[in-house]
């Protein structure tokens, strides 16, 4: 834990510190060694919150992007009294969970049901070698300019750099495996560029399925100033959408409903194309 309560105040660890846990009211002691990140620990038992994971420097760096009042805030269910310590909880009640380790689908569902207004940030550097974001851009999925187009991938062209037109293949609409006339996205490259807002297809070897099945927004952090949100593209396939880290942080600080961010965040097109 980064914080414990001492004399009723939330404070960071200090040498020989003694405090009280914000969740279970048990005694805590400050761990301030030379070789470990300073933190608080329970005096007589393991952490009382089963959703809590050992804090890393990556966790701490994310937390420090927000005011101290937002960090490690206890969230309690008004009906059941269940408590959990949220990594970040804004003044408006929006929760940011900073997740370093893999998570089961069961636990993911439990957290999303408990917090509801939640956004995930995942340490993607741990599987970066297995995650390929294709450079070929995809257009804004909400643009009606592409209602006639179905993007697709194949064994030889996995980057969704091909498409077929519904108007040319009406018999194939809704029919899996139907024969269609395939075209290259080079034919509509300029049109795609004009409607680009950060979407790309990707390939993930041995994926963590839970992140693709999350109901709340999931942002992958590969250690740059660009994050990648996992989305479903026009109900066809999974894709990612670029957003700056700064943009997400400002949104969490100032907004109260993360689910609207898909249509709210701006696009730094040239910067993201280089990412």
C-alpha atoms as a PDB file:
ATOM      1  CA  UNK A   1       0.000   0.000   0.000  1.00  0.00           C
ATOM      2  CA  UNK A   2       1.194   3.508  -0.752  1.00  0.00           C
ATOM      3  CA  UNK A   3      -0.893   5.005   2.055  1.00  0.00           C
ATOM      4  CA  UNK A   4      -2.059   4.215   5.566  1.00  0.00           C
ATOM      5  CA  UNK A   5      -3.912   6.280   8.132  1.00  0.00           C
ATOM      6  CA  UNK A   6      -1.938   7.876  10.944  1.00  0.00           C
ATOM      7  CA  UNK A   7      -3.851   9.977  13.458  1.00  0.00           C
ATOM      8  CA  UNK A   8      -6.776  10.026  11.048  1.00  0.00           C
ATOM      9  CA  UNK A   9      -4.744  11.286   8.078  1.00  0.00           C
ATOM     10  CA  UNK A  10      -3.770   9.416   4.902  1.00  0.00           C
ATOM     11  CA  UNK A  11       0.023   9.463   4.741  1.00  0.00           C
ATOM     12  CA  UNK A  12       2.811   7.772   2.732  1.00  0.00           C
ATOM     13  CA  UNK A  13       5.255   5.443   4.520  1.00  0.00           C
ATOM     14  CA  UNK A  14       8.003   6.854   6.723  1.00  0.00           C
ATOM     15  CA  UNK A  15      10.741   5.131   8.772  1.00  0.00           C
ATOM     16  CA  UNK A  16       9.350   3.290  11.808  1.00  0.00           C
ATOM     17  CA  UNK A  17       5.848   4.405  10.823  1.00  0.00           C
ATOM     18  CA  UNK A  18       2.762   2.823  12.361  1.00  0.00           C
ATOM     19  CA  UNK A  19      -0.715   3.277  10.960  1.00  0.00           C
ATOM     20  CA  UNK A  20      -4.154   1.788  10.339  1.00  0.00           C
ATOM     21  CA  UNK A  21      -5.473   0.070   7.192  1.00  0.00           C
ATOM     22  CA  UNK A  22      -8.227   1.983   5.386  1.00  0.00           C
ATOM     23  CA  UNK A  23     -10.130  -1.214   4.575  1.00  0.00           C
ATOM     24  CA  UNK A  24      -9.994  -3.424   7.680  1.00  0.00           C
ATOM     25  CA  UNK A  25      -8.753  -0.998  10.385  1.00  0.00           C
ATOM     26  CA  UNK A  26      -5.884  -3.366  11.249  1.00  0.00           C
ATOM     27  CA  UNK A  27      -2.466  -2.116  12.314  1.00  0.00           C
ATOM     28  CA  UNK A  28       0.007  -1.387   9.541  1.00  0.00           C
ATOM     29  CA  UNK A  29       3.770  -0.861   9.578  1.00  0.00           C
ATOM     30  CA  UNK A  30       5.916   1.116   7.165  1.00  0.00           C
ATOM     31  CA  UNK A  31       8.467  -0.808   5.086  1.00  0.00           C
ATOM     32  CA  UNK A  32      11.264   1.626   4.294  1.00  0.00           C
ATOM     33  CA  UNK A  33      14.262  -0.475   3.320  1.00  0.00           C
ATOM     34  CA  UNK A  34      17.035   0.598   0.974  1.00  0.00           C
ATOM     35  CA  UNK A  35      16.303  -2.114  -1.608  1.00  0.00           C
ATOM     36  CA  UNK A  36      12.496  -2.030  -1.707  1.00  0.00           C
ATOM     37  CA  UNK A  37       9.995   0.598  -2.704  1.00  0.00           C
ATOM     38  CA  UNK A  38       8.676   2.206   0.452  1.00  0.00           C
ATOM     39  CA  UNK A  39       5.206   0.924   1.283  1.00  0.00           C
ATOM     40  CA  UNK A  40       2.808   0.024   4.085  1.00  0.00           C
ATOM     41  CA  UNK A  41       2.050  -3.579   5.055  1.00  0.00           C
ATOM     42  CA  UNK A  42      -0.321  -5.239   7.491  1.00  0.00           C
ATOM     43  CA  UNK A  43       1.392  -6.025  10.778  1.00  0.00           C
ATOM     44  CA  UNK A  44      -0.074  -9.442  11.431  1.00  0.00           C
ATOM     45  CA  UNK A  45      -1.604 -10.766   8.195  1.00  0.00           C
ATOM     46  CA  UNK A  46      -1.640 -10.606   4.421  1.00  0.00           C
ATOM     47  CA  UNK A  47      -3.372  -7.724   2.683  1.00  0.00           C
ATOM     48  CA  UNK A  48      -7.062  -7.763   3.579  1.00  0.00           C
ATOM     49  CA  UNK A  49      -8.193  -6.935   0.034  1.00  0.00           C
ATOM     50  CA  UNK A  50      -8.071 -10.058  -2.202  1.00  0.00           C
ATOM     51  CA  UNK A  51      -8.049  -7.833  -5.318  1.00  0.00           C
ATOM     52  CA  UNK A  52      -4.864  -6.099  -4.288  1.00  0.00           C
ATOM     53  CA  UNK A  53      -1.607  -7.066  -6.006  1.00  0.00           C
ATOM     54  CA  UNK A  54       1.975  -6.331  -5.052  1.00  0.00           C
ATOM     55  CA  UNK A  55       2.760  -2.798  -6.094  1.00  0.00           C
ATOM     56  CA  UNK A  56       5.459  -2.210  -8.700  1.00  0.00           C
ATOM     57  CA  UNK A  57       7.222   0.938  -9.847  1.00  0.00           C
ATOM     58  CA  UNK A  58       4.853   0.903 -12.845  1.00  0.00           C
ATOM     59  CA  UNK A  59       1.856   1.020 -10.466  1.00  0.00           C
ATOM     60  CA  UNK A  60       3.391   3.843  -8.472  1.00  0.00           C
ATOM     61  CA  UNK A  61       4.202   5.898 -11.574  1.00  0.00           C
ATOM     62  CA  UNK A  62       0.587   5.674 -12.720  1.00  0.00           C
ATOM     63  CA  UNK A  63      -0.781   6.619  -9.292  1.00  0.00           C
ATOM     64  CA  UNK A  64       1.442   9.661  -9.112  1.00  0.00           C
ATOM     65  CA  UNK A  65      -0.243  11.037 -12.243  1.00  0.00           C
ATOM     66  CA  UNK A  66      -3.224  11.842 -10.011  1.00  0.00           C
ATOM     67  CA  UNK A  67      -3.765  13.918  -6.859  1.00  0.00           C
ATOM     68  CA  UNK A  68      -3.106  12.118  -3.565  1.00  0.00           C
ATOM     69  CA  UNK A  69      -6.802  12.395  -2.709  1.00  0.00           C
ATOM     70  CA  UNK A  70      -7.576  10.114  -5.694  1.00  0.00           C
ATOM     71  CA  UNK A  71      -5.101   7.370  -4.731  1.00  0.00           C
ATOM     72  CA  UNK A  72      -6.023   4.198  -2.817  1.00  0.00           C
ATOM     73  CA  UNK A  73      -9.561   5.236  -1.998  1.00  0.00           C
ATOM     74  CA  UNK A  74     -11.855   2.708  -0.333  1.00  0.00           C
ATOM     75  CA  UNK A  75     -14.986   1.970  -2.354  1.00  0.00           C
ATOM     76  CA  UNK A  76     -17.850   0.394  -0.409  1.00  0.00           C
ATOM     77  CA  UNK A  77     -21.076  -1.203  -1.660  1.00  0.00           C
ATOM     78  CA  UNK A  78     -23.996   0.537   0.016  1.00  0.00           C
ATOM     79  CA  UNK A  79     -26.072  -2.657  -0.043  1.00  0.00           C
ATOM     80  CA  UNK A  80     -23.642  -5.384   1.068  1.00  0.00           C
ATOM     81  CA  UNK A  81     -21.002  -3.313   2.863  1.00  0.00           C
ATOM     82  CA  UNK A  82     -18.262  -5.001   0.816  1.00  0.00           C
ATOM     83  CA  UNK A  83     -15.093  -2.883   0.624  1.00  0.00           C
ATOM     84  CA  UNK A  84     -12.196  -2.733  -1.799  1.00  0.00           C
ATOM     85  CA  UNK A  85      -9.304  -0.326  -2.153  1.00  0.00           C
ATOM     86  CA  UNK A  86      -9.411   1.265  -5.604  1.00  0.00           C
ATOM     87  CA  UNK A  87      -6.095   2.242  -7.170  1.00  0.00           C
ATOM     88  CA  UNK A  88      -7.598   5.553  -8.296  1.00  0.00           C
ATOM     89  CA  UNK A  89     -11.043   6.967  -7.528  1.00  0.00           C
ATOM     90  CA  UNK A  90     -11.870  10.418  -8.857  1.00  0.00           C
ATOM     91  CA  UNK A  91     -14.075  12.975  -7.136  1.00  0.00           C
ATOM     92  CA  UNK A  92     -16.893  11.957  -9.482  1.00  0.00           C
ATOM     93  CA  UNK A  93     -16.580   8.285  -8.510  1.00  0.00           C
ATOM     94  CA  UNK A  94     -14.804   7.019 -11.615  1.00  0.00           C
ATOM     95  CA  UNK A  95     -12.456   4.110 -10.834  1.00  0.00           C
ATOM     96  CA  UNK A  96      -9.105   3.389 -12.477  1.00  0.00           C
ATOM     97  CA  UNK A  97      -7.696  -0.087 -11.867  1.00  0.00           C
ATOM     98  CA  UNK A  98      -3.992  -0.353 -12.666  1.00  0.00           C
ATOM     99  CA  UNK A  99      -3.375  -4.021 -13.434  1.00  0.00           C
ATOM    100  CA  UNK A 100       0.102  -5.501 -13.740  1.00  0.00           C
ATOM    101  CA  UNK A 101      -0.632  -9.230 -13.642  1.00  0.00           C
ATOM    102  CA  UNK A 102      -3.042 -11.438 -15.635  1.00  0.00           C
ATOM    103  CA  UNK A 103      -6.563 -11.686 -14.272  1.00  0.00           C
ATOM    104  CA  UNK A 104      -9.201 -14.399 -14.545  1.00  0.00           C
ATOM    105  CA  UNK A 105     -12.454 -13.659 -16.330  1.00  0.00           C
ATOM    106  CA  UNK A 106     -14.310 -14.443 -13.098  1.00  0.00           C
ATOM    107  CA  UNK A 107     -12.374 -11.836 -11.117  1.00  0.00           C
ATOM    108  CA  UNK A 108     -12.649  -9.307 -13.942  1.00  0.00           C
ATOM    109  CA  UNK A 109     -16.430  -9.711 -13.966  1.00  0.00           C
ATOM    110  CA  UNK A 110     -16.528  -9.341 -10.165  1.00  0.00           C
ATOM    111  CA  UNK A 111     -14.579  -6.092 -10.206  1.00  0.00           C
ATOM    112  CA  UNK A 112     -16.593  -4.617 -13.063  1.00  0.00           C
ATOM    113  CA  UNK A 113     -19.846  -5.502 -11.294  1.00  0.00           C
ATOM    114  CA  UNK A 114     -18.611  -4.013  -8.014  1.00  0.00           C
ATOM    115  CA  UNK A 115     -17.118  -0.770  -9.330  1.00  0.00           C
ATOM    116  CA  UNK A 116     -19.369  -0.306 -12.397  1.00  0.00           C
ATOM    117  CA  UNK A 117     -17.909   3.051 -13.537  1.00  0.00           C
ATOM    118  CA  UNK A 118     -14.491   1.557 -14.161  1.00  0.00           C
ATOM    119  CA  UNK A 119     -11.568   1.763 -16.589  1.00  0.00           C
ATOM    120  CA  UNK A 120      -8.638  -0.650 -16.788  1.00  0.00           C
ATOM    121  CA  UNK A 121      -5.005   0.182 -17.553  1.00  0.00           C
ATOM    122  CA  UNK A 122      -2.969  -2.960 -18.231  1.00  0.00           C
ATOM    123  CA  UNK A 123       0.804  -3.362 -18.204  1.00  0.00           C
ATOM    124  CA  UNK A 124       1.189  -4.622 -21.767  1.00  0.00           C
ATOM    125  CA  UNK A 125       4.989  -4.648 -21.732  1.00  0.00           C
ATOM    126  CA  UNK A 126       4.742  -8.113 -20.188  1.00  0.00           C
ATOM    127  CA  UNK A 127       3.310  -9.525 -23.433  1.00  0.00           C
ATOM    128  CA  UNK A 128       4.638  -6.946 -25.898  1.00  0.00           C
ATOM    129  CA  UNK A 129       6.644  -9.532 -27.867  1.00  0.00           C
ATOM    130  CA  UNK A 130       3.405 -11.416 -28.576  1.00  0.00           C
ATOM    131  CA  UNK A 131       1.309  -8.379 -29.520  1.00  0.00           C
ATOM    132  CA  UNK A 132       1.562  -6.973 -33.056  1.00  0.00           C
ATOM    133  CA  UNK A 133      -0.296  -3.790 -34.015  1.00  0.00           C
ATOM    134  CA  UNK A 134      -0.540  -3.568 -37.799  1.00  0.00           C
ATOM    135  CA  UNK A 135       0.527  -0.257 -39.323  1.00  0.00           C
ATOM    136  CA  UNK A 136      -2.329  -0.193 -41.837  1.00  0.00           C
ATOM    137  CA  UNK A 137      -4.962   2.210 -40.432  1.00  0.00           C
ATOM    138  CA  UNK A 138      -8.666   1.558 -40.184  1.00  0.00           C
ATOM    139  CA  UNK A 139     -11.253   4.323 -40.643  1.00  0.00           C
ATOM    140  CA  UNK A 140     -13.647   5.623 -38.014  1.00  0.00           C
ATOM    141  CA  UNK A 141     -16.073   2.708 -37.462  1.00  0.00           C
ATOM    142  CA  UNK A 142     -18.904   5.201 -36.964  1.00  0.00           C
ATOM    143  CA  UNK A 143     -18.426   6.761 -40.405  1.00  0.00           C
ATOM    144  CA  UNK A 144     -21.295   6.022 -42.797  1.00  0.00           C
ATOM    145  CA  UNK A 145     -18.794   6.358 -45.658  1.00  0.00           C
ATOM    146  CA  UNK A 146     -17.817   2.745 -45.002  1.00  0.00           C
ATOM    147  CA  UNK A 147     -21.220   1.143 -44.481  1.00  0.00           C
ATOM    148  CA  UNK A 148     -20.831  -0.786 -47.741  1.00  0.00           C
ATOM    149  CA  UNK A 149     -17.398  -2.118 -46.815  1.00  0.00           C
ATOM    150  CA  UNK A 150     -16.378  -5.189 -44.810  1.00  0.00           C
ATOM    151  CA  UNK A 151     -12.709  -5.264 -43.839  1.00  0.00           C
ATOM    152  CA  UNK A 152     -11.094  -8.664 -43.562  1.00  0.00           C
ATOM    153  CA  UNK A 153      -7.870 -10.519 -42.953  1.00  0.00           C
ATOM    154  CA  UNK A 154      -6.492 -13.764 -44.305  1.00  0.00           C
ATOM    155  CA  UNK A 155      -3.661 -16.182 -43.610  1.00  0.00           C
ATOM    156  CA  UNK A 156      -1.431 -14.245 -45.992  1.00  0.00           C
ATOM    157  CA  UNK A 157      -2.740 -10.731 -45.253  1.00  0.00           C
ATOM    158  CA  UNK A 158      -3.530 -10.665 -41.494  1.00  0.00           C
ATOM    159  CA  UNK A 159      -3.554  -6.863 -41.193  1.00  0.00           C
ATOM    160  CA  UNK A 160      -7.103  -6.304 -42.502  1.00  0.00           C
ATOM    161  CA  UNK A 161      -5.628  -4.761 -45.643  1.00  0.00           C
ATOM    162  CA  UNK A 162      -8.400  -6.283 -47.759  1.00  0.00           C
ATOM    163  CA  UNK A 163     -12.134  -5.697 -48.009  1.00  0.00           C
ATOM    164  CA  UNK A 164     -15.252  -6.617 -49.918  1.00  0.00           C
ATOM    165  CA  UNK A 165     -18.332  -4.587 -50.783  1.00  0.00           C
ATOM    166  CA  UNK A 166     -21.811  -5.583 -49.673  1.00  0.00           C
ATOM    167  CA  UNK A 167     -23.297  -4.042 -52.803  1.00  0.00           C
ATOM    168  CA  UNK A 168     -21.135  -6.315 -54.995  1.00  0.00           C
ATOM    169  CA  UNK A 169     -21.809  -9.426 -52.913  1.00  0.00           C
ATOM    170  CA  UNK A 170     -25.357  -9.138 -51.511  1.00  0.00           C
ATOM    171  CA  UNK A 171     -25.686 -12.913 -51.264  1.00  0.00           C
ATOM    172  CA  UNK A 172     -22.715 -13.042 -48.875  1.00  0.00           C
ATOM    173  CA  UNK A 173     -24.145 -10.693 -46.254  1.00  0.00           C
ATOM    174  CA  UNK A 174     -24.478 -12.583 -42.989  1.00  0.00           C
ATOM    175  CA  UNK A 175     -23.205 -15.831 -44.521  1.00  0.00           C
ATOM    176  CA  UNK A 176     -20.008 -17.131 -42.952  1.00  0.00           C
ATOM    177  CA  UNK A 177     -17.448 -18.408 -45.466  1.00  0.00           C
ATOM    178  CA  UNK A 178     -19.327 -17.101 -48.508  1.00  0.00           C
ATOM    179  CA  UNK A 179     -17.400 -16.377 -51.700  1.00  0.00           C
ATOM    180  CA  UNK A 180     -16.834 -12.653 -52.235  1.00  0.00           C
ATOM    181  CA  UNK A 181     -14.869 -10.392 -54.536  1.00  0.00           C
ATOM    182  CA  UNK A 182     -11.782  -9.314 -52.584  1.00  0.00           C
ATOM    183  CA  UNK A 183     -10.267  -5.858 -53.002  1.00  0.00           C
ATOM    184  CA  UNK A 184      -7.130  -4.239 -51.581  1.00  0.00           C
ATOM    185  CA  UNK A 185      -7.441  -1.299 -49.208  1.00  0.00           C
ATOM    186  CA  UNK A 186      -4.941   0.486 -51.455  1.00  0.00           C
ATOM    187  CA  UNK A 187      -7.972   1.329 -53.599  1.00  0.00           C
ATOM    188  CA  UNK A 188      -9.463   3.421 -50.780  1.00  0.00           C
ATOM    189  CA  UNK A 189      -6.290   4.438 -48.911  1.00  0.00           C
ATOM    190  CA  UNK A 190      -6.953   8.181 -49.198  1.00  0.00           C
ATOM    191  CA  UNK A 191     -10.530   7.769 -48.036  1.00  0.00           C
ATOM    192  CA  UNK A 192      -9.379   5.708 -45.049  1.00  0.00           C
ATOM    193  CA  UNK A 193      -6.752   8.319 -44.169  1.00  0.00           C
ATOM    194  CA  UNK A 194      -9.368  11.080 -44.228  1.00  0.00           C
ATOM    195  CA  UNK A 195     -11.479   9.153 -41.701  1.00  0.00           C
ATOM    196  CA  UNK A 196      -8.675   7.813 -39.515  1.00  0.00           C
ATOM    197  CA  UNK A 197      -9.126   8.416 -35.769  1.00  0.00           C
ATOM    198  CA  UNK A 198      -6.613   5.938 -34.355  1.00  0.00           C
ATOM    199  CA  UNK A 199      -7.928   2.427 -35.120  1.00  0.00           C
ATOM    200  CA  UNK A 200      -5.693  -0.500 -36.131  1.00  0.00           C
ATOM    201  CA  UNK A 201      -6.075  -4.251 -36.290  1.00  0.00           C
ATOM    202  CA  UNK A 202      -3.718  -6.435 -34.256  1.00  0.00           C
ATOM    203  CA  UNK A 203      -2.538  -9.981 -33.714  1.00  0.00           C
ATOM    204  CA  UNK A 204      -2.076 -11.332 -30.193  1.00  0.00           C
ATOM    205  CA  UNK A 205      -0.344 -14.678 -29.721  1.00  0.00           C
ATOM    206  CA  UNK A 206      -1.644 -16.507 -26.635  1.00  0.00           C
ATOM    207  CA  UNK A 207      -3.946 -13.616 -25.684  1.00  0.00           C
ATOM    208  CA  UNK A 208      -5.328 -12.919 -22.228  1.00  0.00           C
ATOM    209  CA  UNK A 209      -8.948 -13.534 -23.160  1.00  0.00           C
ATOM    210  CA  UNK A 210     -10.328 -11.640 -20.157  1.00  0.00           C
ATOM    211  CA  UNK A 211      -9.128  -8.302 -21.545  1.00  0.00           C
ATOM    212  CA  UNK A 212     -10.936  -8.908 -24.819  1.00  0.00           C
ATOM    213  CA  UNK A 213     -14.147  -9.810 -22.985  1.00  0.00           C
ATOM    214  CA  UNK A 214     -14.168  -6.876 -20.568  1.00  0.00           C
ATOM    215  CA  UNK A 215     -17.302  -4.732 -20.515  1.00  0.00           C
ATOM    216  CA  UNK A 216     -15.435  -1.702 -19.179  1.00  0.00           C
ATOM    217  CA  UNK A 217     -12.776   0.085 -21.271  1.00  0.00           C
ATOM    218  CA  UNK A 218      -9.334  -1.555 -21.350  1.00  0.00           C
ATOM    219  CA  UNK A 219      -6.220   0.456 -22.239  1.00  0.00           C
ATOM    220  CA  UNK A 220      -2.916  -1.280 -22.954  1.00  0.00           C
ATOM    221  CA  UNK A 221       0.247   0.468 -21.766  1.00  0.00           C
ATOM    222  CA  UNK A 222       3.390  -0.526 -23.710  1.00  0.00           C
ATOM    223  CA  UNK A 223       5.515   2.051 -21.892  1.00  0.00           C
ATOM    224  CA  UNK A 224       5.152   4.971 -24.332  1.00  0.00           C
ATOM    225  CA  UNK A 225       3.000   8.095 -24.283  1.00  0.00           C
ATOM    226  CA  UNK A 226       0.467   6.262 -26.486  1.00  0.00           C
ATOM    227  CA  UNK A 227      -2.061   3.853 -24.973  1.00  0.00           C
ATOM    228  CA  UNK A 228      -4.164   1.424 -26.986  1.00  0.00           C
ATOM    229  CA  UNK A 229      -7.805   0.780 -26.174  1.00  0.00           C
ATOM    230  CA  UNK A 230      -9.173  -2.669 -27.069  1.00  0.00           C
ATOM    231  CA  UNK A 231     -12.420  -2.339 -29.058  1.00  0.00           C
ATOM    232  CA  UNK A 232     -14.726  -4.352 -31.311  1.00  0.00           C
ATOM    233  CA  UNK A 233     -14.600  -2.964 -34.839  1.00  0.00           C
ATOM    234  CA  UNK A 234     -18.097  -2.694 -36.383  1.00  0.00           C
ATOM    235  CA  UNK A 235     -19.016  -5.979 -34.720  1.00  0.00           C
ATOM    236  CA  UNK A 236     -16.566  -7.774 -37.028  1.00  0.00           C
ATOM    237  CA  UNK A 237     -13.241  -8.225 -35.201  1.00  0.00           C
ATOM    238  CA  UNK A 238     -11.181  -6.891 -32.311  1.00  0.00           C
ATOM    239  CA  UNK A 239      -9.038  -3.830 -32.896  1.00  0.00           C
ATOM    240  CA  UNK A 240      -7.140  -1.228 -30.881  1.00  0.00           C
ATOM    241  CA  UNK A 241      -7.514   2.537 -30.866  1.00  0.00           C
ATOM    242  CA  UNK A 242      -4.721   4.973 -29.977  1.00  0.00           C
ATOM    243  CA  UNK A 243      -5.064   7.583 -27.268  1.00  0.00           C
ATOM    244  CA  UNK A 244      -2.373   9.587 -25.515  1.00  0.00           C
ATOM    245  CA  UNK A 245      -1.666   8.801 -21.879  1.00  0.00           C
ATOM    246  CA  UNK A 246      -2.075  12.480 -21.048  1.00  0.00           C
ATOM    247  CA  UNK A 247      -5.489  12.509 -22.693  1.00  0.00           C
ATOM    248  CA  UNK A 248      -6.757   9.585 -20.616  1.00  0.00           C
ATOM    249  CA  UNK A 249      -5.406  11.073 -17.380  1.00  0.00           C
ATOM    250  CA  UNK A 250      -7.116  14.413 -18.028  1.00  0.00           C
ATOM    251  CA  UNK A 251     -10.361  12.652 -18.881  1.00  0.00           C
ATOM    252  CA  UNK A 252     -10.349  10.647 -15.654  1.00  0.00           C
ATOM    253  CA  UNK A 253      -9.631  13.772 -13.626  1.00  0.00           C
ATOM    254  CA  UNK A 254     -12.415  15.807 -15.222  1.00  0.00           C
ATOM    255  CA  UNK A 255     -15.198  13.476 -16.378  1.00  0.00           C
ATOM    256  CA  UNK A 256     -17.687  11.174 -14.686  1.00  0.00           C
ATOM    257  CA  UNK A 257     -18.443   8.497 -17.274  1.00  0.00           C
ATOM    258  CA  UNK A 258     -15.557   6.738 -18.970  1.00  0.00           C
ATOM    259  CA  UNK A 259     -17.866   4.886 -21.377  1.00  0.00           C
ATOM    260  CA  UNK A 260     -18.300   8.055 -23.438  1.00  0.00           C
ATOM    261  CA  UNK A 261     -14.576   8.438 -24.042  1.00  0.00           C
ATOM    262  CA  UNK A 262     -14.786   6.452 -27.294  1.00  0.00           C
ATOM    263  CA  UNK A 263     -16.474   9.412 -28.944  1.00  0.00           C
ATOM    264  CA  UNK A 264     -14.836  12.156 -26.896  1.00  0.00           C
ATOM    265  CA  UNK A 265     -11.076  11.780 -27.103  1.00  0.00           C
ATOM    266  CA  UNK A 266      -9.275  13.684 -29.798  1.00  0.00           C
ATOM    267  CA  UNK A 267      -6.890  12.209 -32.303  1.00  0.00           C
ATOM    268  CA  UNK A 268      -3.296  13.258 -32.832  1.00  0.00           C
ATOM    269  CA  UNK A 269      -3.219  11.516 -36.200  1.00  0.00           C
ATOM    270  CA  UNK A 270       0.363  12.076 -37.295  1.00  0.00           C
ATOM    271  CA  UNK A 271       1.783  11.255 -33.869  1.00  0.00           C
ATOM    272  CA  UNK A 272      -0.261   8.074 -33.602  1.00  0.00           C
ATOM    273  CA  UNK A 273       0.637   6.866 -37.074  1.00  0.00           C
ATOM    274  CA  UNK A 274       4.266   6.943 -35.967  1.00  0.00           C
ATOM    275  CA  UNK A 275       3.554   5.071 -32.699  1.00  0.00           C
END
